[in-house]
Protein backbone atom coordinates (compact mmCIF):
# COMPACT_ATOMS: atom_id res chain seq x y z
CA MET A 1 4.39 36.82 -21.10
CA ILE A 2 3.17 34.99 -17.98
CA THR A 3 6.54 35.40 -16.27
CA ARG A 4 6.59 39.14 -16.92
CA PHE A 5 2.96 39.46 -15.79
CA ARG A 6 3.53 37.40 -12.67
CA SER A 7 6.56 39.41 -11.67
CA ALA A 8 4.88 42.76 -12.24
CA THR A 9 1.59 41.95 -10.55
CA GLY A 10 3.19 40.09 -7.69
CA ALA A 11 5.62 42.89 -6.93
CA ALA A 12 2.90 45.50 -7.29
CA LEU A 13 0.55 43.62 -4.99
CA ALA A 14 3.16 42.99 -2.36
CA ALA A 15 4.96 46.31 -2.52
CA MET A 16 1.98 48.62 -2.47
CA MET A 17 -1.29 46.76 -2.94
CA ALA A 18 -2.99 49.73 -4.62
CA VAL A 19 -6.60 49.14 -5.47
CA SER A 20 -8.36 51.29 -8.01
CA ALA A 21 -12.02 51.99 -7.94
CA PRO A 22 -13.94 52.32 -11.17
CA ALA A 23 -13.44 55.76 -12.68
CA ALA A 24 -17.10 56.57 -12.16
CA LEU A 25 -16.70 56.12 -8.42
CA LEU A 26 -13.73 58.47 -8.22
CA ALA A 27 -15.00 61.24 -10.45
CA PRO A 28 -15.97 64.52 -8.72
CA VAL A 29 -19.72 64.86 -8.23
CA PRO A 30 -22.02 67.46 -6.64
CA VAL A 31 -21.89 67.48 -2.86
CA GLU A 32 -25.53 66.47 -2.56
CA ALA A 33 -24.80 63.26 -4.49
CA ALA A 34 -21.77 62.32 -2.38
CA SER A 35 -21.53 59.19 -0.28
CA THR A 36 -23.14 59.40 3.13
CA GLY A 37 -20.29 57.36 4.58
CA THR A 38 -17.66 58.90 6.86
CA LEU A 39 -14.08 58.11 7.81
CA ASP A 40 -15.43 56.81 11.11
CA ASP A 41 -17.57 54.37 9.11
CA ALA A 42 -14.49 53.18 7.22
CA VAL A 43 -12.55 52.69 10.43
CA SER A 44 -15.44 50.74 11.97
CA ALA A 45 -15.75 48.56 8.88
CA LEU A 46 -12.04 47.68 8.91
CA ARG A 47 -11.69 47.21 12.66
CA GLY A 48 -14.86 45.14 12.70
CA ILE A 49 -13.19 42.44 10.61
CA SER A 50 -11.60 39.81 12.85
CA THR A 51 -11.27 37.23 10.10
CA MET A 52 -12.44 37.14 6.50
CA LYS A 53 -12.20 34.96 3.44
CA ALA A 54 -13.12 36.13 -0.06
CA ASN A 55 -12.53 35.33 -3.67
CA PHE A 56 -10.47 37.96 -5.47
CA THR A 57 -9.72 39.10 -9.00
CA GLN A 58 -6.45 40.98 -9.47
CA THR A 59 -5.84 43.08 -12.59
CA ASP A 60 -2.67 44.92 -13.55
CA ARG A 61 -2.48 48.17 -15.50
CA ASN A 62 -2.25 46.23 -18.78
CA GLY A 63 -5.55 44.51 -18.11
CA GLN A 64 -4.12 41.06 -17.39
CA THR A 65 -5.99 39.22 -14.66
CA VAL A 66 -5.38 36.45 -12.13
CA ARG A 67 -7.77 35.03 -9.52
CA GLY A 68 -7.60 33.32 -6.19
CA GLU A 69 -8.71 33.32 -2.57
CA MET A 70 -7.84 35.92 0.06
CA THR A 71 -7.70 35.08 3.76
CA LEU A 72 -7.39 37.88 6.34
CA LYS A 73 -6.90 37.75 10.08
CA ARG A 74 -6.41 40.88 12.13
CA PRO A 75 -4.12 42.18 13.27
CA GLY A 76 -1.75 42.10 10.36
CA LYS A 77 -2.18 38.74 8.64
CA ILE A 78 -3.26 38.17 5.04
CA ARG A 79 -2.84 35.50 2.38
CA PHE A 80 -3.42 35.74 -1.38
CA ASP A 81 -3.51 32.22 -2.80
CA TYR A 82 -3.58 32.20 -6.60
CA GLY A 83 -4.17 28.46 -6.88
CA LYS A 84 -3.77 27.33 -10.49
CA SER A 85 -4.10 30.89 -11.77
CA ALA A 86 -0.41 31.70 -11.14
CA PRO A 87 2.47 29.86 -9.42
CA MET A 88 2.89 32.39 -6.63
CA LEU A 89 1.71 33.21 -3.12
CA VAL A 90 1.56 36.48 -1.17
CA VAL A 91 1.53 36.21 2.64
CA SER A 92 1.75 38.64 5.55
CA ASN A 93 2.68 37.36 9.00
CA GLY A 94 1.80 40.65 10.68
CA LYS A 95 5.21 42.26 10.26
CA SER A 96 6.17 41.85 6.63
CA LEU A 97 4.54 41.06 3.30
CA THR A 98 6.20 38.22 1.38
CA LEU A 99 5.93 37.27 -2.28
CA ILE A 100 6.83 33.65 -3.00
CA ASP A 101 7.38 32.77 -6.66
CA TYR A 102 7.31 29.01 -7.05
CA GLU A 103 8.25 28.94 -10.70
CA VAL A 104 11.63 30.62 -10.24
CA ASN A 105 12.05 29.74 -6.54
CA GLN A 106 12.35 33.31 -5.34
CA VAL A 107 11.18 35.04 -2.15
CA GLN A 108 10.80 38.83 -1.79
CA ARG A 109 9.78 40.67 1.37
CA TRP A 110 8.53 44.18 2.24
CA PRO A 111 7.71 45.74 5.65
CA ILE A 112 3.96 46.25 6.06
CA SER A 113 4.66 49.73 7.38
CA ASN A 114 6.11 50.70 4.00
CA SER A 115 2.97 49.69 2.13
CA PRO A 116 -0.45 51.28 1.67
CA LEU A 117 -1.72 47.79 2.47
CA GLY A 118 -0.97 48.81 6.04
CA ALA A 119 -4.33 50.59 5.95
CA LEU A 120 -5.86 47.12 6.01
CA LEU A 121 -3.34 45.26 8.13
CA ASP A 122 -1.28 47.52 10.39
CA PRO A 123 -3.21 48.20 13.62
CA LYS A 124 -0.99 51.25 14.19
CA ARG A 125 -2.03 52.83 10.89
CA ASP A 126 -4.63 55.54 11.52
CA VAL A 127 -6.98 55.54 8.53
CA LYS A 128 -8.59 58.75 9.77
CA ARG A 129 -5.22 60.48 9.86
CA TYR A 130 -4.12 59.45 6.38
CA GLY A 131 -7.49 58.88 4.73
CA THR A 132 -9.56 61.22 2.57
CA LEU A 133 -13.13 60.59 1.45
CA ARG A 134 -13.50 60.68 -2.33
CA PRO A 135 -16.90 61.76 -3.67
CA THR A 136 -19.02 59.09 -5.32
CA SER A 137 -22.22 59.29 -7.31
CA ASN A 138 -23.94 56.72 -5.10
CA PRO A 139 -24.80 57.36 -1.42
CA ASN A 140 -24.38 53.64 -0.78
CA VAL A 141 -20.78 53.61 -2.02
CA MET A 142 -17.90 55.00 0.01
CA SER A 143 -14.41 55.59 -1.41
CA VAL A 144 -11.46 56.32 0.89
CA GLU A 145 -8.03 57.28 -0.41
CA VAL A 146 -5.19 56.52 2.02
CA ARG A 147 -1.76 58.10 1.58
CA ASP A 148 1.02 59.52 3.73
CA SER A 149 1.87 62.88 2.17
CA LYS A 150 5.22 62.87 3.95
CA LYS A 151 6.15 59.52 2.44
CA PRO A 152 4.98 59.52 -1.21
CA GLU A 153 7.27 56.58 -1.93
CA PHE A 154 4.84 54.40 0.01
CA GLY A 155 2.19 54.90 -2.69
CA VAL A 156 -1.57 55.22 -2.39
CA ILE A 157 -4.41 52.82 -1.70
CA THR A 158 -8.05 53.61 -2.45
CA LEU A 159 -10.55 51.46 -0.55
CA VAL A 160 -14.10 51.12 -1.83
CA PHE A 161 -16.96 50.07 0.44
CA VAL A 162 -20.61 49.33 -0.32
CA ARG A 163 -23.29 49.75 2.31
CA ASP A 164 -24.34 46.32 3.62
CA GLY A 165 -26.05 45.84 6.95
CA SER A 166 -24.68 42.31 7.30
CA ALA A 167 -21.03 43.43 6.98
CA PRO A 168 -18.87 44.68 9.88
CA GLY A 169 -19.69 48.30 10.58
CA GLY A 170 -22.48 48.18 7.99
CA TRP A 171 -20.07 48.67 5.06
CA GLU A 172 -18.53 45.88 2.99
CA LEU A 173 -15.06 46.26 1.48
CA THR A 174 -15.54 45.33 -2.17
CA ASN A 175 -12.36 46.46 -3.91
CA TRP A 176 -9.25 48.56 -3.68
CA VAL A 177 -6.63 50.12 -5.95
CA ALA A 178 -2.94 50.33 -5.20
CA LEU A 179 -0.79 52.90 -6.95
CA ASP A 180 2.94 52.95 -6.32
CA ALA A 181 5.42 55.81 -6.71
CA GLN A 182 6.01 54.73 -10.33
CA ASN A 183 2.26 54.90 -11.10
CA ASN A 184 1.98 51.13 -11.42
CA ARG A 185 -1.62 50.28 -10.61
CA THR A 186 -3.07 47.03 -9.36
CA THR A 187 -6.81 46.55 -8.90
CA VAL A 188 -8.24 43.92 -6.58
CA ARG A 189 -11.96 43.13 -6.47
CA LEU A 190 -13.49 40.92 -3.81
CA SER A 191 -16.53 38.64 -3.96
CA ASN A 192 -18.16 36.01 -1.76
CA GLN A 193 -16.93 37.67 1.44
CA ARG A 194 -17.27 35.51 4.57
CA TYR A 195 -16.68 37.03 8.01
CA GLY A 196 -15.80 35.49 11.36
CA VAL A 197 -14.59 32.24 9.83
CA ALA A 198 -12.10 30.02 11.65
CA VAL A 199 -8.57 30.78 10.41
CA ASN A 200 -5.50 29.03 11.79
CA ASP A 201 -2.26 31.02 11.99
CA SER A 202 -0.61 28.31 9.92
CA ALA A 203 -2.45 29.81 6.91
CA PHE A 204 0.06 32.65 6.98
CA THR A 205 3.16 30.51 6.76
CA TYR A 206 4.75 29.13 3.61
CA ARG A 207 7.26 26.58 2.45
CA ASP A 208 10.41 28.29 1.24
CA PRO A 209 10.93 27.23 -2.42
CA ARG A 210 14.66 27.90 -2.07
CA ARG A 211 14.82 24.82 0.14
CA THR A 212 12.31 22.64 -1.68
CA THR A 213 10.58 22.71 -5.04
CA ARG A 214 7.43 21.20 -3.61
CA ARG A 215 4.58 23.71 -3.33
CA PRO A 216 2.46 23.54 -0.18
CA GLY A 217 -1.03 22.17 -0.60
């Protein structure tokens, strides 16, 4: 069970990183109840993040959950460390997203440009060009769906922000849903976000388990 879950969630996270917002946030609502956020606000919130650390909870479409710590450094770098929750690591070095499975000593890699996660990481990805505001029932919640209609195989990512004056751009990224071309959904929720923290580039490297069975500390 854990092997099947790890493989599915790891591949889903790395290949498309789709984050789903709660159904209530995505349901159509009257225009007057819609979020007051704009695509410009979303862009400002994302571009305002130089570095960030946060705890995360990742849930697959079957409801199975793992937890860990996320580290982000723009442009293009991210690390999902599952700690004792699962023997795997997901790392982006700015060019590609890599899934390292320490239990079976496997490494898989995907170009960031082929992933909706590029909305978070790829500085060339124009969120305003590919993003669409989704109505919410709370003016302090903003939901942005990012997809390339010409490349449906890249999947969809829905980013959810909550108004917070202390966050970059005044909106805090709280969760996202990734949906791939096969309708496999992965939900990631963030907590304890810390901005502007010192992050060394070595955080986005990894020890290749095909050369050693020792997991990095």
